[in-house]
Amino acid sequence: MGSEDIPYRRASFSTRLRADRLYTAGHYWLRKEVDDLWRVGFTRFAIRMLGEAVEMGFEVAAGAAVASGQAVGWIEGFKAVSDLYAPMAGTFDGPNAELESDMALFKKEPYERGWLFALRGEPDAGCLDPQGYVAVLDATIDKMLGQRHDAK
């Protein structure tokens, strides 16, 4: 992990956020590759909520225009099936082909080789820097802890 990683710990969850990424309230990260090409992946928090990923599929073809918030595919884990959403408007550049042969990368290397798909365009204004995402994590975990205590 890079020296720019930001450690995060709350309750029983801990992770290191990459400083070179943007984040969304939906627990995606975005990393600029070249020009207007962005790789998109799930944060460790999202992966923990999903559980072990077993299969993934896409409903849009490479080169298709996508709107911010549009479902582009789905991912199935042992805990849930979740839609995959475009965190920005632009052009779908395609899925991560490495995951087709090794879904374990999704969990083992979520911030590197385990990225989900790529988009071309510019991130929405609602994308967050790492500190903004920390606030989202704090609020999400606090809500989960409150619900757990309310259920007792």
N, C-alpha and C. Protein backbone atom coordinates (compact mmCIF):
# COMPACT_ATOMS: atom_id res chain seq x y z
N MET A 1 0.83 -1.17 0.00
CA MET A 1 0.00 0.00 0.00
C MET A 1 0.88 1.24 0.00
N GLY A 2 0.40 2.26 -0.62
CA GLY A 2 1.18 3.48 -0.75
C GLY A 2 1.24 4.27 0.54
N SER A 3 2.26 5.13 0.64
CA SER A 3 2.44 5.94 1.83
C SER A 3 1.34 6.99 1.97
N GLU A 4 0.59 7.23 0.91
CA GLU A 4 -0.49 8.20 0.93
C GLU A 4 -1.81 7.60 1.40
N ASP A 5 -1.81 6.32 1.73
CA ASP A 5 -3.03 5.69 2.21
C ASP A 5 -3.47 6.32 3.53
N ILE A 6 -4.78 6.38 3.71
CA ILE A 6 -5.36 6.98 4.90
C ILE A 6 -5.99 5.87 5.73
N PRO A 7 -5.45 5.62 6.93
CA PRO A 7 -6.04 4.56 7.76
C PRO A 7 -7.41 4.97 8.29
N TYR A 8 -8.31 3.99 8.36
CA TYR A 8 -9.65 4.22 8.87
C TYR A 8 -10.05 3.06 9.75
N ARG A 9 -10.61 3.36 10.93
CA ARG A 9 -11.11 2.32 11.82
C ARG A 9 -12.33 2.85 12.54
N ARG A 10 -13.38 2.05 12.54
CA ARG A 10 -14.61 2.40 13.26
C ARG A 10 -15.29 1.09 13.64
N ALA A 11 -15.63 0.94 14.90
CA ALA A 11 -16.23 -0.29 15.41
C ALA A 11 -15.31 -1.46 15.04
N SER A 12 -15.83 -2.49 14.39
CA SER A 12 -15.00 -3.65 14.03
C SER A 12 -14.50 -3.58 12.59
N PHE A 13 -14.67 -2.44 11.93
CA PHE A 13 -14.25 -2.29 10.53
C PHE A 13 -13.01 -1.41 10.44
N SER A 14 -12.03 -1.89 9.69
CA SER A 14 -10.85 -1.06 9.43
C SER A 14 -10.43 -1.25 7.98
N THR A 15 -9.84 -0.21 7.44
CA THR A 15 -9.37 -0.24 6.06
C THR A 15 -8.34 0.86 5.87
N ARG A 16 -7.79 0.94 4.68
CA ARG A 16 -6.90 2.02 4.29
C ARG A 16 -7.47 2.59 3.01
N LEU A 17 -7.81 3.87 3.02
CA LEU A 17 -8.35 4.53 1.84
C LEU A 17 -7.21 5.07 1.00
N ARG A 18 -7.32 4.88 -0.29
CA ARG A 18 -6.30 5.37 -1.20
C ARG A 18 -6.49 6.86 -1.44
N ALA A 19 -5.46 7.63 -1.23
CA ALA A 19 -5.53 9.08 -1.38
C ALA A 19 -5.65 9.50 -2.84
N ASP A 20 -5.28 8.63 -3.77
CA ASP A 20 -5.31 8.97 -5.20
C ASP A 20 -6.65 8.65 -5.87
N ARG A 21 -7.69 8.43 -5.06
CA ARG A 21 -9.00 8.05 -5.59
C ARG A 21 -10.06 9.08 -5.22
N LEU A 22 -11.14 9.04 -5.99
CA LEU A 22 -12.38 9.69 -5.60
C LEU A 22 -13.30 8.57 -5.11
N TYR A 23 -14.27 8.92 -4.31
CA TYR A 23 -15.19 7.94 -3.74
C TYR A 23 -16.62 8.42 -3.92
N THR A 24 -17.57 7.50 -3.78
CA THR A 24 -18.98 7.86 -3.85
C THR A 24 -19.68 7.40 -2.58
N ALA A 25 -20.83 7.99 -2.32
CA ALA A 25 -21.63 7.58 -1.17
C ALA A 25 -22.13 6.15 -1.33
N GLY A 26 -22.13 5.63 -2.56
CA GLY A 26 -22.51 4.24 -2.84
C GLY A 26 -21.36 3.26 -2.69
N HIS A 27 -20.23 3.71 -2.14
CA HIS A 27 -19.08 2.88 -1.81
C HIS A 27 -18.31 2.36 -3.03
N TYR A 28 -18.23 3.20 -4.05
CA TYR A 28 -17.35 2.95 -5.19
C TYR A 28 -16.13 3.85 -5.05
N TRP A 29 -15.03 3.41 -5.65
CA TRP A 29 -13.88 4.30 -5.83
C TRP A 29 -13.66 4.50 -7.33
N LEU A 30 -13.06 5.63 -7.68
CA LEU A 30 -12.73 5.95 -9.06
C LEU A 30 -11.26 6.39 -9.11
N ARG A 31 -10.51 5.83 -10.03
CA ARG A 31 -9.11 6.23 -10.21
C ARG A 31 -8.89 6.61 -11.67
N LYS A 32 -8.35 7.79 -11.87
CA LYS A 32 -8.06 8.25 -13.22
C LYS A 32 -6.86 7.49 -13.76
N GLU A 33 -7.02 6.94 -14.96
CA GLU A 33 -5.94 6.21 -15.60
C GLU A 33 -5.19 7.13 -16.59
N VAL A 34 -5.83 7.48 -17.68
CA VAL A 34 -5.26 8.40 -18.68
C VAL A 34 -6.40 9.22 -19.27
N ASP A 35 -6.09 10.43 -19.67
CA ASP A 35 -7.08 11.30 -20.29
C ASP A 35 -8.39 11.28 -19.51
N ASP A 36 -9.46 10.79 -20.13
CA ASP A 36 -10.77 10.75 -19.46
C ASP A 36 -11.17 9.32 -19.08
N LEU A 37 -10.21 8.39 -18.99
CA LEU A 37 -10.49 6.99 -18.63
C LEU A 37 -10.36 6.81 -17.12
N TRP A 38 -11.42 6.27 -16.52
CA TRP A 38 -11.46 6.03 -15.07
C TRP A 38 -11.77 4.57 -14.79
N ARG A 39 -11.01 3.95 -13.91
CA ARG A 39 -11.34 2.62 -13.41
C ARG A 39 -12.25 2.79 -12.20
N VAL A 40 -13.20 1.87 -12.07
CA VAL A 40 -14.18 1.94 -11.00
C VAL A 40 -14.17 0.62 -10.24
N GLY A 41 -14.17 0.69 -8.93
CA GLY A 41 -14.20 -0.51 -8.11
C GLY A 41 -15.01 -0.28 -6.86
N PHE A 42 -15.20 -1.35 -6.11
CA PHE A 42 -15.87 -1.27 -4.82
C PHE A 42 -14.84 -1.02 -3.71
N THR A 43 -15.24 -0.26 -2.71
CA THR A 43 -14.40 -0.08 -1.53
C THR A 43 -14.44 -1.36 -0.70
N ARG A 44 -13.52 -1.45 0.24
CA ARG A 44 -13.52 -2.61 1.14
C ARG A 44 -14.82 -2.70 1.95
N PHE A 45 -15.42 -1.55 2.26
CA PHE A 45 -16.68 -1.57 3.00
C PHE A 45 -17.76 -2.25 2.16
N ALA A 46 -17.86 -1.89 0.89
CA ALA A 46 -18.85 -2.50 0.00
C ALA A 46 -18.60 -4.00 -0.12
N ILE A 47 -17.35 -4.37 -0.23
CA ILE A 47 -17.00 -5.80 -0.36
C ILE A 47 -17.41 -6.55 0.89
N ARG A 48 -17.19 -5.95 2.04
CA ARG A 48 -17.58 -6.61 3.29
C ARG A 48 -19.09 -6.81 3.35
N MET A 49 -19.86 -5.83 2.89
CA MET A 49 -21.32 -5.95 2.90
C MET A 49 -21.81 -6.99 1.90
N LEU A 50 -21.14 -7.11 0.76
CA LEU A 50 -21.54 -8.06 -0.27
C LEU A 50 -21.17 -9.48 0.08
N GLY A 51 -20.02 -9.66 0.70
CA GLY A 51 -19.52 -11.00 0.98
C GLY A 51 -18.69 -11.49 -0.19
N GLU A 52 -18.46 -12.76 -0.25
CA GLU A 52 -17.64 -13.36 -1.31
C GLU A 52 -18.33 -13.21 -2.66
N ALA A 53 -17.64 -12.62 -3.62
CA ALA A 53 -18.21 -12.45 -4.97
C ALA A 53 -18.06 -13.76 -5.74
N VAL A 54 -19.14 -14.17 -6.41
CA VAL A 54 -19.10 -15.42 -7.15
C VAL A 54 -19.33 -15.25 -8.64
N GLU A 55 -20.02 -14.18 -9.03
CA GLU A 55 -20.32 -13.98 -10.45
C GLU A 55 -20.65 -12.51 -10.70
N MET A 56 -20.37 -12.09 -11.93
CA MET A 56 -20.63 -10.71 -12.30
C MET A 56 -21.06 -10.68 -13.77
N GLY A 57 -21.95 -9.76 -14.12
CA GLY A 57 -22.38 -9.62 -15.51
C GLY A 57 -22.69 -8.17 -15.82
N PHE A 58 -22.64 -7.84 -17.11
CA PHE A 58 -22.88 -6.46 -17.53
C PHE A 58 -23.99 -6.41 -18.55
N GLU A 59 -24.80 -5.35 -18.46
CA GLU A 59 -25.96 -5.17 -19.33
C GLU A 59 -25.71 -4.15 -20.43
N VAL A 60 -24.56 -3.51 -20.40
CA VAL A 60 -24.22 -2.54 -21.44
C VAL A 60 -22.93 -2.99 -22.13
N ALA A 61 -22.82 -2.64 -23.38
CA ALA A 61 -21.63 -3.03 -24.16
C ALA A 61 -20.60 -1.92 -24.12
N ALA A 62 -19.35 -2.29 -24.31
CA ALA A 62 -18.28 -1.30 -24.41
C ALA A 62 -18.62 -0.32 -25.52
N GLY A 63 -18.43 0.95 -25.24
CA GLY A 63 -18.73 2.01 -26.20
C GLY A 63 -20.10 2.63 -26.02
N ALA A 64 -20.94 2.02 -25.18
CA ALA A 64 -22.29 2.55 -24.95
C ALA A 64 -22.25 3.76 -24.03
N ALA A 65 -23.09 4.73 -24.31
CA ALA A 65 -23.23 5.89 -23.43
C ALA A 65 -23.99 5.47 -22.18
N VAL A 66 -23.56 5.99 -21.03
CA VAL A 66 -24.23 5.69 -19.77
C VAL A 66 -24.48 7.00 -19.02
N ALA A 67 -25.55 7.01 -18.26
CA ALA A 67 -25.88 8.15 -17.42
C ALA A 67 -25.40 7.87 -16.00
N SER A 68 -25.12 8.91 -15.27
CA SER A 68 -24.75 8.75 -13.88
C SER A 68 -25.90 8.09 -13.13
N GLY A 69 -25.60 7.05 -12.37
CA GLY A 69 -26.62 6.33 -11.62
C GLY A 69 -27.27 5.20 -12.38
N GLN A 70 -26.95 5.06 -13.66
CA GLN A 70 -27.52 3.98 -14.48
C GLN A 70 -26.93 2.63 -14.08
N ALA A 71 -27.79 1.62 -13.99
CA ALA A 71 -27.30 0.26 -13.75
C ALA A 71 -26.58 -0.22 -15.00
N VAL A 72 -25.35 -0.67 -14.83
CA VAL A 72 -24.56 -1.16 -15.97
C VAL A 72 -24.36 -2.67 -15.89
N GLY A 73 -24.66 -3.25 -14.74
CA GLY A 73 -24.48 -4.69 -14.57
C GLY A 73 -24.88 -5.11 -13.18
N TRP A 74 -24.39 -6.27 -12.77
CA TRP A 74 -24.72 -6.82 -11.45
C TRP A 74 -23.55 -7.65 -10.95
N ILE A 75 -23.52 -7.84 -9.65
CA ILE A 75 -22.52 -8.71 -9.04
C ILE A 75 -23.22 -9.55 -7.98
N GLU A 76 -22.93 -10.82 -7.97
CA GLU A 76 -23.55 -11.75 -7.03
C GLU A 76 -22.51 -12.18 -6.01
N GLY A 77 -22.89 -12.07 -4.75
CA GLY A 77 -22.06 -12.56 -3.66
C GLY A 77 -22.84 -13.58 -2.87
N PHE A 78 -22.19 -14.17 -1.86
CA PHE A 78 -22.90 -15.14 -1.03
C PHE A 78 -23.99 -14.46 -0.20
N LYS A 79 -23.82 -13.16 0.08
CA LYS A 79 -24.78 -12.44 0.92
C LYS A 79 -25.87 -11.74 0.12
N ALA A 80 -25.59 -11.37 -1.14
CA ALA A 80 -26.55 -10.56 -1.88
C ALA A 80 -26.20 -10.49 -3.36
N VAL A 81 -27.17 -10.09 -4.16
CA VAL A 81 -26.94 -9.71 -5.55
C VAL A 81 -27.13 -8.21 -5.60
N SER A 82 -26.17 -7.51 -6.14
CA SER A 82 -26.23 -6.05 -6.18
C SER A 82 -26.06 -5.55 -7.60
N ASP A 83 -26.83 -4.53 -7.92
CA ASP A 83 -26.62 -3.86 -9.21
C ASP A 83 -25.33 -3.07 -9.15
N LEU A 84 -24.71 -2.93 -10.30
CA LEU A 84 -23.52 -2.08 -10.45
C LEU A 84 -23.96 -0.82 -11.18
N TYR A 85 -23.67 0.32 -10.60
CA TYR A 85 -24.12 1.60 -11.15
C TYR A 85 -22.94 2.42 -11.67
N ALA A 86 -23.19 3.17 -12.71
CA ALA A 86 -22.19 4.10 -13.23
C ALA A 86 -22.13 5.29 -12.27
N PRO A 87 -20.96 5.57 -11.68
CA PRO A 87 -20.86 6.70 -10.76
C PRO A 87 -20.62 8.03 -11.47
N MET A 88 -20.73 8.01 -12.80
CA MET A 88 -20.55 9.22 -13.60
C MET A 88 -21.15 9.00 -14.98
N ALA A 89 -21.49 10.08 -15.65
CA ALA A 89 -21.98 9.99 -17.02
C ALA A 89 -20.78 9.87 -17.96
N GLY A 90 -20.97 9.16 -19.05
CA GLY A 90 -19.89 9.02 -20.02
C GLY A 90 -20.10 7.82 -20.91
N THR A 91 -19.02 7.15 -21.22
CA THR A 91 -19.03 5.98 -22.09
C THR A 91 -18.49 4.78 -21.33
N PHE A 92 -19.22 3.67 -21.40
CA PHE A 92 -18.79 2.43 -20.76
C PHE A 92 -17.61 1.88 -21.55
N ASP A 93 -16.48 1.70 -20.89
CA ASP A 93 -15.26 1.23 -21.57
C ASP A 93 -15.08 -0.28 -21.44
N GLY A 94 -15.87 -0.92 -20.59
CA GLY A 94 -15.82 -2.37 -20.49
C GLY A 94 -15.49 -2.86 -19.09
N PRO A 95 -15.75 -4.14 -18.86
CA PRO A 95 -15.47 -4.76 -17.56
C PRO A 95 -13.99 -5.12 -17.43
N ASN A 96 -13.60 -5.43 -16.22
CA ASN A 96 -12.25 -5.92 -15.94
C ASN A 96 -12.19 -7.39 -16.37
N ALA A 97 -11.52 -7.66 -17.46
CA ALA A 97 -11.44 -9.02 -18.00
C ALA A 97 -10.76 -10.00 -17.04
N GLU A 98 -9.88 -9.51 -16.20
CA GLU A 98 -9.19 -10.39 -15.25
C GLU A 98 -10.16 -11.06 -14.28
N LEU A 99 -11.27 -10.38 -13.96
CA LEU A 99 -12.22 -10.96 -13.02
C LEU A 99 -12.97 -12.16 -13.61
N GLU A 100 -13.04 -12.23 -14.95
CA GLU A 100 -13.70 -13.38 -15.57
C GLU A 100 -13.01 -14.68 -15.23
N SER A 101 -11.69 -14.65 -15.10
CA SER A 101 -10.95 -15.88 -14.80
C SER A 101 -10.56 -15.99 -13.32
N ASP A 102 -10.65 -14.88 -12.57
CA ASP A 102 -10.25 -14.91 -11.17
C ASP A 102 -11.06 -13.91 -10.34
N MET A 103 -12.28 -14.30 -9.95
CA MET A 103 -13.14 -13.42 -9.15
C MET A 103 -12.53 -13.13 -7.78
N ALA A 104 -11.58 -13.94 -7.33
CA ALA A 104 -10.95 -13.72 -6.03
C ALA A 104 -10.20 -12.38 -6.00
N LEU A 105 -9.80 -11.87 -7.16
CA LEU A 105 -9.11 -10.56 -7.20
C LEU A 105 -10.00 -9.46 -6.64
N PHE A 106 -11.29 -9.61 -6.81
CA PHE A 106 -12.27 -8.64 -6.32
C PHE A 106 -12.06 -8.39 -4.83
N LYS A 107 -11.81 -9.44 -4.07
CA LYS A 107 -11.62 -9.31 -2.62
C LYS A 107 -10.14 -9.16 -2.24
N LYS A 108 -9.26 -9.88 -2.94
CA LYS A 108 -7.84 -9.85 -2.61
C LYS A 108 -7.18 -8.52 -2.95
N GLU A 109 -7.54 -7.94 -4.08
CA GLU A 109 -6.90 -6.71 -4.55
C GLU A 109 -7.94 -5.69 -5.05
N PRO A 110 -8.88 -5.30 -4.18
CA PRO A 110 -9.98 -4.45 -4.65
C PRO A 110 -9.54 -3.08 -5.16
N TYR A 111 -8.41 -2.58 -4.70
CA TYR A 111 -7.96 -1.25 -5.12
C TYR A 111 -6.95 -1.30 -6.26
N GLU A 112 -6.63 -2.49 -6.72
CA GLU A 112 -5.67 -2.62 -7.82
C GLU A 112 -6.27 -3.51 -8.92
N ARG A 113 -5.91 -4.78 -8.96
CA ARG A 113 -6.34 -5.67 -10.04
C ARG A 113 -7.81 -6.08 -9.93
N GLY A 114 -8.47 -5.84 -8.79
CA GLY A 114 -9.86 -6.24 -8.59
C GLY A 114 -10.89 -5.18 -8.95
N TRP A 115 -10.51 -4.18 -9.75
CA TRP A 115 -11.47 -3.16 -10.18
C TRP A 115 -12.58 -3.81 -11.00
N LEU A 116 -13.73 -3.16 -11.09
CA LEU A 116 -14.92 -3.75 -11.72
C LEU A 116 -15.07 -3.42 -13.20
N PHE A 117 -15.03 -2.13 -13.54
CA PHE A 117 -15.24 -1.71 -14.92
C PHE A 117 -14.60 -0.34 -15.13
N ALA A 118 -14.54 0.08 -16.37
CA ALA A 118 -13.95 1.38 -16.70
C ALA A 118 -14.97 2.24 -17.44
N LEU A 119 -14.86 3.54 -17.22
CA LEU A 119 -15.72 4.52 -17.87
C LEU A 119 -14.86 5.65 -18.43
N ARG A 120 -15.37 6.27 -19.48
CA ARG A 120 -14.73 7.48 -20.01
C ARG A 120 -15.67 8.65 -19.76
N GLY A 121 -15.12 9.73 -19.25
CA GLY A 121 -15.90 10.91 -18.95
C GLY A 121 -15.27 11.65 -17.80
N GLU A 122 -16.06 12.46 -17.14
CA GLU A 122 -15.60 13.21 -15.97
C GLU A 122 -16.50 12.88 -14.78
N PRO A 123 -15.90 12.64 -13.61
CA PRO A 123 -16.69 12.31 -12.42
C PRO A 123 -17.70 13.40 -12.07
N ASP A 124 -18.80 12.97 -11.49
CA ASP A 124 -19.84 13.89 -11.03
C ASP A 124 -19.30 14.78 -9.91
N ALA A 125 -19.92 15.92 -9.75
CA ALA A 125 -19.54 16.85 -8.69
C ALA A 125 -19.75 16.23 -7.30
N GLY A 126 -20.63 15.23 -7.22
CA GLY A 126 -20.91 14.58 -5.94
C GLY A 126 -19.85 13.58 -5.50
N CYS A 127 -18.85 13.34 -6.32
CA CYS A 127 -17.77 12.44 -5.91
C CYS A 127 -16.99 13.08 -4.77
N LEU A 128 -16.46 12.24 -3.91
CA LEU A 128 -15.84 12.70 -2.66
C LEU A 128 -14.34 12.43 -2.64
N ASP A 129 -13.61 13.30 -1.96
CA ASP A 129 -12.21 13.01 -1.68
C ASP A 129 -12.20 12.01 -0.52
N PRO A 130 -11.04 11.47 -0.16
CA PRO A 130 -11.03 10.46 0.92
C PRO A 130 -11.64 10.95 2.23
N GLN A 131 -11.41 12.21 2.60
CA GLN A 131 -11.97 12.71 3.86
C GLN A 131 -13.50 12.80 3.80
N GLY A 132 -14.03 13.16 2.63
CA GLY A 132 -15.47 13.17 2.45
C GLY A 132 -16.05 11.77 2.58
N TYR A 133 -15.31 10.78 2.06
CA TYR A 133 -15.77 9.39 2.16
C TYR A 133 -15.71 8.90 3.61
N VAL A 134 -14.73 9.37 4.38
CA VAL A 134 -14.66 9.03 5.80
C VAL A 134 -15.95 9.45 6.50
N ALA A 135 -16.46 10.62 6.17
CA ALA A 135 -17.72 11.08 6.77
C ALA A 135 -18.88 10.16 6.39
N VAL A 136 -18.90 9.68 5.14
CA VAL A 136 -19.93 8.73 4.70
C VAL A 136 -19.81 7.43 5.49
N LEU A 137 -18.59 6.91 5.64
CA LEU A 137 -18.38 5.68 6.40
C LEU A 137 -18.83 5.86 7.85
N ASP A 138 -18.44 6.96 8.47
CA ASP A 138 -18.84 7.21 9.85
C ASP A 138 -20.36 7.19 9.99
N ALA A 139 -21.06 7.90 9.13
CA ALA A 139 -22.52 7.97 9.19
C ALA A 139 -23.15 6.60 8.93
N THR A 140 -22.62 5.85 7.97
CA THR A 140 -23.17 4.53 7.64
C THR A 140 -22.98 3.56 8.79
N ILE A 141 -21.79 3.53 9.35
CA ILE A 141 -21.50 2.61 10.46
C ILE A 141 -22.29 3.01 11.70
N ASP A 142 -22.38 4.31 11.98
CA ASP A 142 -23.19 4.76 13.12
C ASP A 142 -24.64 4.31 12.97
N LYS A 143 -25.18 4.44 11.76
CA LYS A 143 -26.57 4.02 11.51
C LYS A 143 -26.72 2.52 11.73
N MET A 144 -25.76 1.74 11.23
CA MET A 144 -25.81 0.28 11.40
C MET A 144 -25.73 -0.09 12.88
N LEU A 145 -24.86 0.57 13.61
CA LEU A 145 -24.72 0.28 15.05
C LEU A 145 -25.99 0.67 15.79
N GLY A 146 -26.59 1.79 15.42
CA GLY A 146 -27.84 2.22 16.04
C GLY A 146 -28.96 1.25 15.79
N GLN A 147 -29.04 0.72 14.58
CA GLN A 147 -30.09 -0.26 14.25
C GLN A 147 -29.88 -1.55 15.03
N ARG A 148 -28.62 -1.92 15.21
CA ARG A 148 -28.33 -3.15 15.96
C ARG A 148 -28.75 -2.98 17.42
N HIS A 149 -28.46 -1.81 18.00
CA HIS A 149 -28.85 -1.56 19.40
C HIS A 149 -30.35 -1.43 19.54
N ASP A 150 -31.04 -0.84 18.54
CA ASP A 150 -32.50 -0.70 18.58
C ASP A 150 -33.20 -2.07 18.53
N ALA A 151 -32.57 -3.05 17.87
CA ALA A 151 -33.17 -4.37 17.70
C ALA A 151 -33.09 -5.20 18.98
N LYS A 152 -32.23 -4.81 19.89
CA LYS A 152 -32.05 -5.62 21.12
C LYS A 152 -33.15 -5.36 22.12
